[in-house]
């Protein structure tokens, strides 16, 4: 379960928030930025990271997510403006 996603907003698979990613979101001081993102974006990030086959790919995706949340202007390498 991902406590930061309102599951009634999504009709597709809901990905649970892994403990290690939750800790990283806190440690990198981006948990609030993550919580402010739309539910589909939070779910997409976790699903995308979870589908990585190699450890290196997973780490790269986590780093991309953390950077995008910190900078606040990107989502999956696309421009993003918080509403």
N, C-alpha and C. Protein backbone atom coordinates (compact mmCIF):
# COMPACT_ATOMS: atom_id res chain seq x y z
N UNK A 1 0.83 -1.18 0.00
CA UNK A 1 0.00 0.00 0.00
C UNK A 1 0.87 1.25 0.00
N UNK A 2 0.44 2.25 -0.71
CA UNK A 2 1.14 3.53 -0.73
C UNK A 2 0.25 4.54 0.00
N UNK A 3 0.63 4.93 1.20
CA UNK A 3 -0.23 5.80 2.00
C UNK A 3 -0.42 7.19 1.42
N UNK A 4 0.35 7.54 0.40
CA UNK A 4 0.27 8.87 -0.18
C UNK A 4 -0.56 8.91 -1.45
N UNK A 5 -1.21 7.81 -1.79
CA UNK A 5 -2.04 7.75 -2.99
C UNK A 5 -3.48 7.48 -2.59
N UNK A 6 -4.38 8.27 -3.11
CA UNK A 6 -5.81 8.04 -2.94
C UNK A 6 -6.21 7.03 -4.02
N UNK A 7 -6.36 5.78 -3.63
CA UNK A 7 -6.58 4.70 -4.60
C UNK A 7 -7.86 4.87 -5.40
N UNK A 8 -8.81 5.61 -4.89
CA UNK A 8 -10.05 5.80 -5.64
C UNK A 8 -9.84 6.66 -6.88
N UNK A 9 -8.68 7.35 -6.97
CA UNK A 9 -8.37 8.17 -8.13
C UNK A 9 -7.80 7.37 -9.29
N UNK A 10 -7.39 6.14 -9.04
CA UNK A 10 -6.72 5.35 -10.07
C UNK A 10 -7.48 4.06 -10.33
N UNK A 11 -7.54 3.67 -11.59
CA UNK A 11 -8.22 2.42 -11.93
C UNK A 11 -7.23 1.34 -12.32
N UNK A 12 -5.98 1.66 -12.38
CA UNK A 12 -4.96 0.66 -12.72
C UNK A 12 -4.26 0.17 -11.46
N UNK A 13 -3.29 -0.71 -11.64
CA UNK A 13 -2.57 -1.27 -10.50
C UNK A 13 -1.94 -0.18 -9.65
N UNK A 14 -2.08 -0.31 -8.34
CA UNK A 14 -1.48 0.62 -7.39
C UNK A 14 -0.22 -0.05 -6.83
N UNK A 15 0.91 0.63 -6.98
CA UNK A 15 2.17 0.07 -6.52
C UNK A 15 2.45 0.50 -5.08
N UNK A 16 2.82 -0.45 -4.22
CA UNK A 16 3.15 -0.09 -2.84
C UNK A 16 4.46 0.70 -2.80
N UNK A 17 4.55 1.61 -1.86
CA UNK A 17 5.75 2.41 -1.68
C UNK A 17 6.78 1.59 -0.91
N UNK A 18 7.89 1.20 -1.56
CA UNK A 18 8.92 0.42 -0.86
C UNK A 18 9.52 1.22 0.30
N UNK A 19 9.85 0.53 1.36
CA UNK A 19 10.41 1.18 2.55
C UNK A 19 11.67 1.97 2.23
N UNK A 20 12.55 1.40 1.38
CA UNK A 20 13.81 2.09 1.09
C UNK A 20 13.56 3.41 0.36
N UNK A 21 12.57 3.44 -0.51
CA UNK A 21 12.26 4.68 -1.23
C UNK A 21 11.63 5.69 -0.28
N UNK A 22 10.79 5.23 0.62
CA UNK A 22 10.20 6.12 1.61
C UNK A 22 11.29 6.79 2.44
N UNK A 23 12.27 6.02 2.86
CA UNK A 23 13.39 6.57 3.64
C UNK A 23 14.17 7.58 2.80
N UNK A 24 14.42 7.27 1.54
CA UNK A 24 15.15 8.20 0.68
C UNK A 24 14.38 9.50 0.47
N UNK A 25 13.07 9.40 0.29
CA UNK A 25 12.26 10.61 0.13
C UNK A 25 12.39 11.51 1.36
N UNK A 26 12.42 10.90 2.53
CA UNK A 26 12.60 11.68 3.77
C UNK A 26 14.01 12.24 3.85
N UNK A 27 15.00 11.39 3.61
CA UNK A 27 16.40 11.80 3.76
C UNK A 27 16.79 12.90 2.78
N UNK A 28 16.23 12.88 1.59
CA UNK A 28 16.54 13.90 0.58
C UNK A 28 15.59 15.09 0.67
N UNK A 29 14.75 15.09 1.71
CA UNK A 29 13.83 16.20 1.99
C UNK A 29 12.91 16.51 0.81
N UNK A 30 12.41 15.45 0.19
CA UNK A 30 11.47 15.63 -0.94
C UNK A 30 10.15 14.89 -0.71
N UNK A 31 9.93 14.40 0.49
CA UNK A 31 8.69 13.68 0.77
C UNK A 31 7.47 14.57 0.55
N UNK A 32 7.54 15.81 0.99
CA UNK A 32 6.40 16.73 0.79
C UNK A 32 6.17 17.00 -0.69
N UNK A 33 7.24 17.13 -1.46
CA UNK A 33 7.11 17.34 -2.90
C UNK A 33 6.47 16.10 -3.54
N UNK A 34 6.85 14.92 -3.09
CA UNK A 34 6.26 13.68 -3.58
C UNK A 34 4.77 13.64 -3.26
N UNK A 35 4.41 14.00 -2.04
CA UNK A 35 3.00 13.96 -1.62
C UNK A 35 2.13 14.95 -2.40
N UNK A 36 2.72 16.05 -2.85
CA UNK A 36 1.96 17.06 -3.60
C UNK A 36 1.72 16.66 -5.06
N UNK A 37 2.48 15.70 -5.56
CA UNK A 37 2.30 15.28 -6.95
C UNK A 37 0.96 14.57 -7.11
N UNK A 38 0.39 14.62 -8.33
CA UNK A 38 -0.86 13.88 -8.57
C UNK A 38 -0.66 12.38 -8.31
N UNK A 39 -1.73 11.71 -7.93
CA UNK A 39 -1.64 10.28 -7.61
C UNK A 39 -1.05 9.46 -8.75
N UNK A 40 -1.42 9.77 -9.99
CA UNK A 40 -0.89 8.97 -11.10
C UNK A 40 0.62 9.13 -11.22
N UNK A 41 1.16 10.30 -10.92
CA UNK A 41 2.61 10.50 -11.00
C UNK A 41 3.33 9.73 -9.90
N UNK A 42 2.80 9.77 -8.69
CA UNK A 42 3.41 9.02 -7.59
C UNK A 42 3.42 7.53 -7.93
N UNK A 43 2.31 7.05 -8.45
CA UNK A 43 2.20 5.64 -8.80
C UNK A 43 3.12 5.29 -9.97
N UNK A 44 3.19 6.17 -10.97
CA UNK A 44 4.08 5.93 -12.11
C UNK A 44 5.53 5.83 -11.68
N UNK A 45 5.97 6.74 -10.83
CA UNK A 45 7.36 6.70 -10.36
C UNK A 45 7.66 5.36 -9.70
N UNK A 46 6.80 4.92 -8.79
CA UNK A 46 7.07 3.68 -8.04
C UNK A 46 7.01 2.46 -8.96
N UNK A 47 6.05 2.43 -9.87
CA UNK A 47 5.97 1.32 -10.81
C UNK A 47 7.18 1.27 -11.73
N UNK A 48 7.60 2.42 -12.22
CA UNK A 48 8.75 2.53 -13.13
C UNK A 48 10.02 2.06 -12.43
N UNK A 49 10.20 2.49 -11.20
CA UNK A 49 11.37 2.06 -10.43
C UNK A 49 11.30 0.55 -10.17
N UNK A 50 10.14 0.07 -9.82
CA UNK A 50 9.97 -1.35 -9.51
C UNK A 50 10.16 -2.28 -10.69
N UNK A 51 9.96 -1.77 -11.90
CA UNK A 51 10.13 -2.61 -13.10
C UNK A 51 11.58 -2.72 -13.56
N UNK A 52 12.48 -2.03 -12.93
CA UNK A 52 13.90 -2.11 -13.31
C UNK A 52 14.40 -3.54 -13.07
N UNK A 53 15.11 -4.05 -14.04
CA UNK A 53 15.62 -5.42 -13.92
C UNK A 53 16.99 -5.47 -13.24
N UNK A 54 17.76 -4.43 -13.41
CA UNK A 54 19.10 -4.39 -12.82
C UNK A 54 19.16 -3.38 -11.69
N UNK A 55 20.01 -3.66 -10.73
CA UNK A 55 20.20 -2.77 -9.59
C UNK A 55 20.61 -1.37 -10.05
N UNK A 56 21.51 -1.32 -11.04
CA UNK A 56 21.99 -0.03 -11.54
C UNK A 56 20.86 0.79 -12.15
N UNK A 57 19.98 0.11 -12.86
CA UNK A 57 18.84 0.81 -13.47
C UNK A 57 17.91 1.33 -12.39
N UNK A 58 17.66 0.52 -11.39
CA UNK A 58 16.79 0.95 -10.29
C UNK A 58 17.37 2.19 -9.60
N UNK A 59 18.67 2.15 -9.32
CA UNK A 59 19.32 3.29 -8.67
C UNK A 59 19.25 4.54 -9.54
N UNK A 60 19.45 4.38 -10.84
CA UNK A 60 19.39 5.52 -11.77
C UNK A 60 17.99 6.12 -11.76
N UNK A 61 16.98 5.29 -11.76
CA UNK A 61 15.59 5.77 -11.76
C UNK A 61 15.24 6.46 -10.45
N UNK A 62 15.71 5.90 -9.35
CA UNK A 62 15.48 6.55 -8.05
C UNK A 62 16.13 7.93 -8.04
N UNK A 63 17.37 8.00 -8.51
CA UNK A 63 18.07 9.28 -8.54
C UNK A 63 17.35 10.29 -9.42
N UNK A 64 16.83 9.84 -10.55
CA UNK A 64 16.08 10.74 -11.43
C UNK A 64 14.84 11.26 -10.71
N UNK A 65 14.11 10.37 -10.05
CA UNK A 65 12.92 10.80 -9.32
C UNK A 65 13.27 11.82 -8.24
N UNK A 66 14.31 11.53 -7.45
CA UNK A 66 14.70 12.44 -6.38
C UNK A 66 15.10 13.81 -6.93
N UNK A 67 15.83 13.81 -8.02
CA UNK A 67 16.24 15.08 -8.65
C UNK A 67 15.04 15.85 -9.16
N UNK A 68 14.14 15.16 -9.83
CA UNK A 68 12.95 15.82 -10.37
C UNK A 68 12.08 16.39 -9.25
N UNK A 69 11.95 15.67 -8.16
CA UNK A 69 11.17 16.17 -7.04
C UNK A 69 11.85 17.36 -6.38
N UNK A 70 13.17 17.30 -6.27
CA UNK A 70 13.92 18.39 -5.65
C UNK A 70 13.82 19.66 -6.48
N UNK A 71 14.00 19.52 -7.80
CA UNK A 71 13.96 20.68 -8.69
C UNK A 71 12.53 21.15 -8.94
N UNK A 72 11.59 20.20 -8.92
CA UNK A 72 10.18 20.53 -9.01
C UNK A 72 9.64 20.87 -10.38
N UNK A 73 10.45 20.81 -11.41
CA UNK A 73 9.99 21.23 -12.74
C UNK A 73 9.98 20.11 -13.78
N UNK A 74 10.16 18.88 -13.35
CA UNK A 74 10.18 17.75 -14.29
C UNK A 74 9.38 16.59 -13.72
N UNK A 75 8.86 15.79 -14.64
CA UNK A 75 8.20 14.53 -14.32
C UNK A 75 8.55 13.58 -15.45
N UNK A 76 9.32 12.55 -15.16
CA UNK A 76 9.75 11.57 -16.15
C UNK A 76 10.41 12.28 -17.35
N UNK A 77 11.28 13.23 -17.05
CA UNK A 77 12.01 14.02 -18.05
C UNK A 77 11.12 14.93 -18.89
N UNK A 78 9.88 15.12 -18.49
CA UNK A 78 8.99 16.06 -19.18
C UNK A 78 8.79 17.28 -18.29
N UNK A 79 8.55 18.41 -18.92
CA UNK A 79 8.29 19.62 -18.14
C UNK A 79 7.07 19.42 -17.26
N UNK A 80 7.15 19.96 -16.05
CA UNK A 80 6.05 19.83 -15.10
C UNK A 80 5.93 21.13 -14.32
N UNK A 81 4.71 21.60 -14.17
CA UNK A 81 4.42 22.77 -13.35
C UNK A 81 3.41 22.36 -12.29
N UNK A 82 3.79 22.57 -11.04
CA UNK A 82 2.88 22.22 -9.94
C UNK A 82 1.67 23.13 -9.96
N UNK A 83 0.50 22.53 -9.73
CA UNK A 83 -0.74 23.31 -9.74
C UNK A 83 -1.18 23.65 -8.35
